[in-house]
PDB file of N, CA and C in Angstrom:
ATOM      1  N   UNK A   1       4.399  17.929 -11.112  1.00  0.00           N
ATOM      2  CA  UNK A   1       3.715  17.847  -9.833  1.00  0.00           C
ATOM      3  C   UNK A   1       3.747  16.410  -9.293  1.00  0.00           C
ATOM      4  N   UNK A   2       3.508  15.469 -10.194  1.00  0.00           N
ATOM      5  CA  UNK A   2       3.468  14.060  -9.796  1.00  0.00           C
ATOM      6  C   UNK A   2       4.825  13.605  -9.260  1.00  0.00           C
ATOM      7  N   UNK A   3       5.897  13.999  -9.928  1.00  0.00           N
ATOM      8  CA  UNK A   3       7.231  13.592  -9.509  1.00  0.00           C
ATOM      9  C   UNK A   3       7.638  14.273  -8.211  1.00  0.00           C
ATOM     10  N   UNK A   4       7.246  15.526  -8.042  1.00  0.00           N
ATOM     11  CA  UNK A   4       7.581  16.262  -6.816  1.00  0.00           C
ATOM     12  C   UNK A   4       6.899  15.614  -5.615  1.00  0.00           C
ATOM     13  N   UNK A   5       5.623  15.283  -5.763  1.00  0.00           N
ATOM     14  CA  UNK A   5       4.894  14.656  -4.665  1.00  0.00           C
ATOM     15  C   UNK A   5       5.492  13.292  -4.323  1.00  0.00           C
ATOM     16  N   UNK A   6       5.922  12.564  -5.339  1.00  0.00           N
ATOM     17  CA  UNK A   6       6.563  11.270  -5.104  1.00  0.00           C
ATOM     18  C   UNK A   6       7.884  11.444  -4.360  1.00  0.00           C
ATOM     19  N   UNK A   7       8.666  12.446  -4.769  1.00  0.00           N
ATOM     20  CA  UNK A   7       9.951  12.702  -4.113  1.00  0.00           C
ATOM     21  C   UNK A   7       9.771  13.149  -2.666  1.00  0.00           C
ATOM     22  N   UNK A   8       8.707  13.863  -2.382  1.00  0.00           N
ATOM     23  CA  UNK A   8       8.442  14.324  -1.016  1.00  0.00           C
ATOM     24  C   UNK A   8       7.891  13.182  -0.162  1.00  0.00           C
ATOM     25  N   UNK A   9       7.140  12.286  -0.767  1.00  0.00           N
ATOM     26  CA  UNK A   9       6.541  11.165  -0.035  1.00  0.00           C
ATOM     27  C   UNK A   9       7.613  10.260   0.570  1.00  0.00           C
ATOM     28  N   UNK A  10       8.672   9.999  -0.190  1.00  0.00           N
ATOM     29  CA  UNK A  10       9.706   9.068   0.259  1.00  0.00           C
ATOM     30  C   UNK A  10      10.319   9.465   1.610  1.00  0.00           C
ATOM     31  N   UNK A  11      10.865  10.690   1.763  1.00  0.00           N
ATOM     32  CA  UNK A  11      11.474  11.015   3.075  1.00  0.00           C
ATOM     33  C   UNK A  11      10.450  11.151   4.192  1.00  0.00           C
ATOM     34  N   UNK A  12       9.229  11.580   3.872  1.00  0.00           N
ATOM     35  CA  UNK A  12       8.204  11.703   4.908  1.00  0.00           C
ATOM     36  C   UNK A  12       7.855  10.327   5.476  1.00  0.00           C
ATOM     37  N   UNK A  13       7.662   9.348   4.595  1.00  0.00           N
ATOM     38  CA  UNK A  13       7.339   7.995   5.059  1.00  0.00           C
ATOM     39  C   UNK A  13       8.535   7.392   5.794  1.00  0.00           C
ATOM     40  N   UNK A  14       9.745   7.704   5.347  1.00  0.00           N
ATOM     41  CA  UNK A  14      10.959   7.225   6.034  1.00  0.00           C
ATOM     42  C   UNK A  14      10.976   7.734   7.479  1.00  0.00           C
ATOM     43  N   UNK A  15      10.683   9.029   7.654  1.00  0.00           N
ATOM     44  CA  UNK A  15      10.663   9.609   8.998  1.00  0.00           C
ATOM     45  C   UNK A  15       9.536   9.028   9.848  1.00  0.00           C
ATOM     46  N   UNK A  16       8.377   8.810   9.242  1.00  0.00           N
ATOM     47  CA  UNK A  16       7.262   8.202   9.975  1.00  0.00           C
ATOM     48  C   UNK A  16       7.649   6.807  10.451  1.00  0.00           C
ATOM     49  N   UNK A  17       8.288   6.041   9.583  1.00  0.00           N
ATOM     50  CA  UNK A  17       8.728   4.694   9.967  1.00  0.00           C
ATOM     51  C   UNK A  17       9.754   4.753  11.094  1.00  0.00           C
ATOM     52  N   UNK A  18      10.654   5.714  11.031  1.00  0.00           N
ATOM     53  CA  UNK A  18      11.726   5.811  12.031  1.00  0.00           C
ATOM     54  C   UNK A  18      11.220   6.251  13.389  1.00  0.00           C
ATOM     55  N   UNK A  19      10.475   7.341  13.414  1.00  0.00           N
ATOM     56  CA  UNK A  19      10.124   7.964  14.692  1.00  0.00           C
ATOM     57  C   UNK A  19       8.780   7.535  15.259  1.00  0.00           C
ATOM     58  N   UNK A  20       7.772   7.383  14.420  1.00  0.00           N
ATOM     59  CA  UNK A  20       6.440   7.069  14.944  1.00  0.00           C
ATOM     60  C   UNK A  20       6.182   5.574  15.035  1.00  0.00           C
ATOM     61  N   UNK A  21       6.656   4.822  14.044  1.00  0.00           N
ATOM     62  CA  UNK A  21       6.431   3.380  14.066  1.00  0.00           C
ATOM     63  C   UNK A  21       7.575   2.626  14.735  1.00  0.00           C
ATOM     64  N   UNK A  22       8.719   3.283  14.875  1.00  0.00           N
ATOM     65  CA  UNK A  22       9.852   2.678  15.565  1.00  0.00           C
ATOM     66  C   UNK A  22      10.537   1.563  14.797  1.00  0.00           C
ATOM     67  N   UNK A  23      10.453   1.581  13.483  1.00  0.00           N
ATOM     68  CA  UNK A  23      11.109   0.557  12.672  1.00  0.00           C
ATOM     69  C   UNK A  23      12.597   0.885  12.617  1.00  0.00           C
ATOM     70  N   UNK A  24      13.429  -0.048  13.038  1.00  0.00           N
ATOM     71  CA  UNK A  24      14.864   0.190  13.082  1.00  0.00           C
ATOM     72  C   UNK A  24      15.592  -0.388  11.872  1.00  0.00           C
ATOM     73  N   UNK A  25      14.975  -1.304  11.189  1.00  0.00           N
ATOM     74  CA  UNK A  25      15.605  -1.938  10.037  1.00  0.00           C
ATOM     75  C   UNK A  25      15.658  -0.971   8.853  1.00  0.00           C
ATOM     76  N   UNK A  26      16.855  -0.739   8.348  1.00  0.00           N
ATOM     77  CA  UNK A  26      17.009   0.145   7.194  1.00  0.00           C
ATOM     78  C   UNK A  26      16.330  -0.406   5.958  1.00  0.00           C
ATOM     79  N   UNK A  27      16.421  -1.729   5.781  1.00  0.00           N
ATOM     80  CA  UNK A  27      15.780  -2.355   4.631  1.00  0.00           C
ATOM     81  C   UNK A  27      14.263  -2.248   4.736  1.00  0.00           C
ATOM     82  N   UNK A  28      13.740  -2.431   5.925  1.00  0.00           N
ATOM     83  CA  UNK A  28      12.292  -2.306   6.120  1.00  0.00           C
ATOM     84  C   UNK A  28      11.793  -0.906   5.812  1.00  0.00           C
ATOM     85  N   UNK A  29      12.516   0.100   6.315  1.00  0.00           N
ATOM     86  CA  UNK A  29      12.132   1.488   6.037  1.00  0.00           C
ATOM     87  C   UNK A  29      12.240   1.790   4.547  1.00  0.00           C
ATOM     88  N   UNK A  30      13.282   1.272   3.918  1.00  0.00           N
ATOM     89  CA  UNK A  30      13.479   1.488   2.486  1.00  0.00           C
ATOM     90  C   UNK A  30      12.330   0.904   1.682  1.00  0.00           C
ATOM     91  N   UNK A  31      11.971  -0.339   1.983  1.00  0.00           N
ATOM     92  CA  UNK A  31      10.900  -0.993   1.235  1.00  0.00           C
ATOM     93  C   UNK A  31       9.554  -0.302   1.443  1.00  0.00           C
ATOM     94  N   UNK A  32       9.252   0.068   2.668  1.00  0.00           N
ATOM     95  CA  UNK A  32       7.981   0.723   2.955  1.00  0.00           C
ATOM     96  C   UNK A  32       7.915   2.092   2.296  1.00  0.00           C
ATOM     97  N   UNK A  33       8.983   2.881   2.403  1.00  0.00           N
ATOM     98  CA  UNK A  33       8.951   4.227   1.853  1.00  0.00           C
ATOM     99  C   UNK A  33       8.960   4.211   0.331  1.00  0.00           C
ATOM    100  N   UNK A  34       9.703   3.297  -0.275  1.00  0.00           N
ATOM    101  CA  UNK A  34       9.677   3.197  -1.738  1.00  0.00           C
ATOM    102  C   UNK A  34       8.318   2.728  -2.241  1.00  0.00           C
ATOM    103  N   UNK A  35       7.716   1.787  -1.541  1.00  0.00           N
ATOM    104  CA  UNK A  35       6.379   1.329  -1.924  1.00  0.00           C
ATOM    105  C   UNK A  35       5.373   2.459  -1.845  1.00  0.00           C
ATOM    106  N   UNK A  36       5.447   3.259  -0.797  1.00  0.00           N
ATOM    107  CA  UNK A  36       4.533   4.393  -0.660  1.00  0.00           C
ATOM    108  C   UNK A  36       4.750   5.410  -1.772  1.00  0.00           C
ATOM    109  N   UNK A  37       6.008   5.688  -2.102  1.00  0.00           N
ATOM    110  CA  UNK A  37       6.306   6.653  -3.154  1.00  0.00           C
ATOM    111  C   UNK A  37       5.814   6.158  -4.511  1.00  0.00           C
ATOM    112  N   UNK A  38       6.016   4.884  -4.798  1.00  0.00           N
ATOM    113  CA  UNK A  38       5.534   4.317  -6.063  1.00  0.00           C
ATOM    114  C   UNK A  38       4.018   4.321  -6.095  1.00  0.00           C
ATOM    115  N   UNK A  39       3.381   4.007  -4.988  1.00  0.00           N
ATOM    116  CA  UNK A  39       1.926   4.024  -4.915  1.00  0.00           C
ATOM    117  C   UNK A  39       1.372   5.419  -5.181  1.00  0.00           C
ATOM    118  N   UNK A  40       1.993   6.435  -4.608  1.00  0.00           N
ATOM    119  CA  UNK A  40       1.566   7.819  -4.854  1.00  0.00           C
ATOM    120  C   UNK A  40       1.717   8.152  -6.327  1.00  0.00           C
ATOM    121  N   UNK A  41       2.833   7.752  -6.930  1.00  0.00           N
ATOM    122  CA  UNK A  41       3.079   8.025  -8.353  1.00  0.00           C
ATOM    123  C   UNK A  41       2.009   7.372  -9.232  1.00  0.00           C
ATOM    124  N   UNK A  42       1.700   6.113  -8.956  1.00  0.00           N
ATOM    125  CA  UNK A  42       0.708   5.386  -9.748  1.00  0.00           C
ATOM    126  C   UNK A  42      -0.686   5.979  -9.563  1.00  0.00           C
ATOM    127  N   UNK A  43      -1.060   6.270  -8.322  1.00  0.00           N
ATOM    128  CA  UNK A  43      -2.389   6.832  -8.069  1.00  0.00           C
ATOM    129  C   UNK A  43      -2.561   8.206  -8.713  1.00  0.00           C
ATOM    130  N   UNK A  44      -1.513   9.021  -8.665  1.00  0.00           N
ATOM    131  CA  UNK A  44      -1.583  10.333  -9.315  1.00  0.00           C
ATOM    132  C   UNK A  44      -1.714  10.174 -10.831  1.00  0.00           C
ATOM    133  N   UNK A  45      -1.008   9.215 -11.412  1.00  0.00           N
ATOM    134  CA  UNK A  45      -1.104   8.949 -12.845  1.00  0.00           C
ATOM    135  C   UNK A  45      -2.485   8.468 -13.239  1.00  0.00           C
ATOM    136  N   UNK A  46      -3.070   7.610 -12.416  1.00  0.00           N
ATOM    137  CA  UNK A  46      -4.420   7.120 -12.702  1.00  0.00           C
ATOM    138  C   UNK A  46      -5.436   8.249 -12.617  1.00  0.00           C
ATOM    139  N   UNK A  47      -5.308   9.105 -11.622  1.00  0.00           N
ATOM    140  CA  UNK A  47      -6.231  10.224 -11.475  1.00  0.00           C
ATOM    141  C   UNK A  47      -6.082  11.201 -12.640  1.00  0.00           C
ATOM    142  N   UNK A  48      -4.856  11.442 -13.066  1.00  0.00           N
ATOM    143  CA  UNK A  48      -4.612  12.342 -14.194  1.00  0.00           C
ATOM    144  C   UNK A  48      -5.196  11.768 -15.474  1.00  0.00           C
ATOM    145  N   UNK A  49      -5.034  10.473 -15.678  1.00  0.00           N
ATOM    146  CA  UNK A  49      -5.569   9.811 -16.854  1.00  0.00           C
ATOM    147  C   UNK A  49      -7.098   9.851 -16.871  1.00  0.00           C
ATOM    148  N   UNK A  50      -7.695   9.606 -15.716  1.00  0.00           N
ATOM    149  CA  UNK A  50      -9.151   9.625 -15.627  1.00  0.00           C
ATOM    150  C   UNK A  50      -9.686  11.032 -15.870  1.00  0.00           C
ATOM    151  N   UNK A  51      -8.991  12.023 -15.353  1.00  0.00           N
ATOM    152  CA  UNK A  51      -9.403  13.408 -15.563  1.00  0.00           C
ATOM    153  C   UNK A  51      -9.321  13.771 -17.044  1.00  0.00           C
ATOM    154  N   UNK A  52      -8.280  13.308 -17.723  1.00  0.00           N
ATOM    155  CA  UNK A  52      -8.129  13.579 -19.150  1.00  0.00           C
ATOM    156  C   UNK A  52      -9.232  12.892 -19.946  1.00  0.00           C
ATOM    157  N   UNK A  53      -9.592  11.658 -19.553  1.00  0.00           N
ATOM    158  CA  UNK A  53     -10.673  10.950 -20.233  1.00  0.00           C
ATOM    159  C   UNK A  53     -12.005  11.667 -20.038  1.00  0.00           C
ATOM    160  N   UNK A  54     -12.252  12.140 -18.828  1.00  0.00           N
ATOM    161  CA  UNK A  54     -13.498  12.856 -18.558  1.00  0.00           C
ATOM    162  C   UNK A  54     -13.559  14.169 -19.326  1.00  0.00           C
ATOM    163  N   UNK A  55     -12.426  14.812 -19.460  1.00  0.00           N
ATOM    164  CA  UNK A  55     -12.364  16.078 -20.173  1.00  0.00           C
ATOM    165  C   UNK A  55     -12.649  15.884 -21.665  1.00  0.00           C
ATOM    166  N   UNK A  56     -12.187  14.768 -22.232  1.00  0.00           N
ATOM    167  CA  UNK A  56     -12.392  14.485 -23.653  1.00  0.00           C
ATOM    168  C   UNK A  56     -13.743  13.859 -23.928  1.00  0.00           C
ATOM    169  N   UNK A  57     -14.472  13.518 -22.900  1.00  0.00           N
ATOM    170  CA  UNK A  57     -15.777  12.901 -23.076  1.00  0.00           C
ATOM    171  C   UNK A  57     -15.721  11.412 -23.264  1.00  0.00           C
ATOM    172  N   UNK A  58     -14.568  10.816 -23.104  1.00  0.00           N
ATOM    173  CA  UNK A  58     -14.424   9.366 -23.225  1.00  0.00           C
ATOM    174  C   UNK A  58     -14.893   8.718 -21.937  1.00  0.00           C
ATOM    175  N   UNK A  59     -15.551   7.576 -22.093  1.00  0.00           N
ATOM    176  CA  UNK A  59     -15.971   6.826 -20.925  1.00  0.00           C
ATOM    177  C   UNK A  59     -15.585   5.378 -21.158  1.00  0.00           C
ATOM    178  N   UNK A  60     -14.502   4.950 -20.526  1.00  0.00           N
ATOM    179  CA  UNK A  60     -13.966   3.595 -20.731  1.00  0.00           C
ATOM    180  C   UNK A  60     -14.833   2.537 -20.054  1.00  0.00           C
ATOM    181  N   UNK A  61     -15.755   2.958 -19.209  1.00  0.00           N
ATOM    182  CA  UNK A  61     -16.578   1.986 -18.481  1.00  0.00           C
ATOM    183  C   UNK A  61     -17.745   1.469 -19.323  1.00  0.00           C
ATOM    184  N   UNK A  62     -18.023   2.039 -20.446  1.00  0.00           N
ATOM    185  CA  UNK A  62     -19.151   1.588 -21.303  1.00  0.00           C
ATOM    186  C   UNK A  62     -18.781   0.357 -22.063  1.00  0.00           C
TER     187      UNK A  62
END
């Protein structure tokens, strides 16, 4: 699920940069869309990890 969402994020952000934000630079669109895809991947991993910790009863904040 995490990888699929990351793969879908990349072209969606690319299209948003192209059509809605009007960014014409290919490098700019590449950097923005890759950053967004990596951010989604990391955030999903953090949420999954936190959910697993809560399920096991671990609390890393103590």
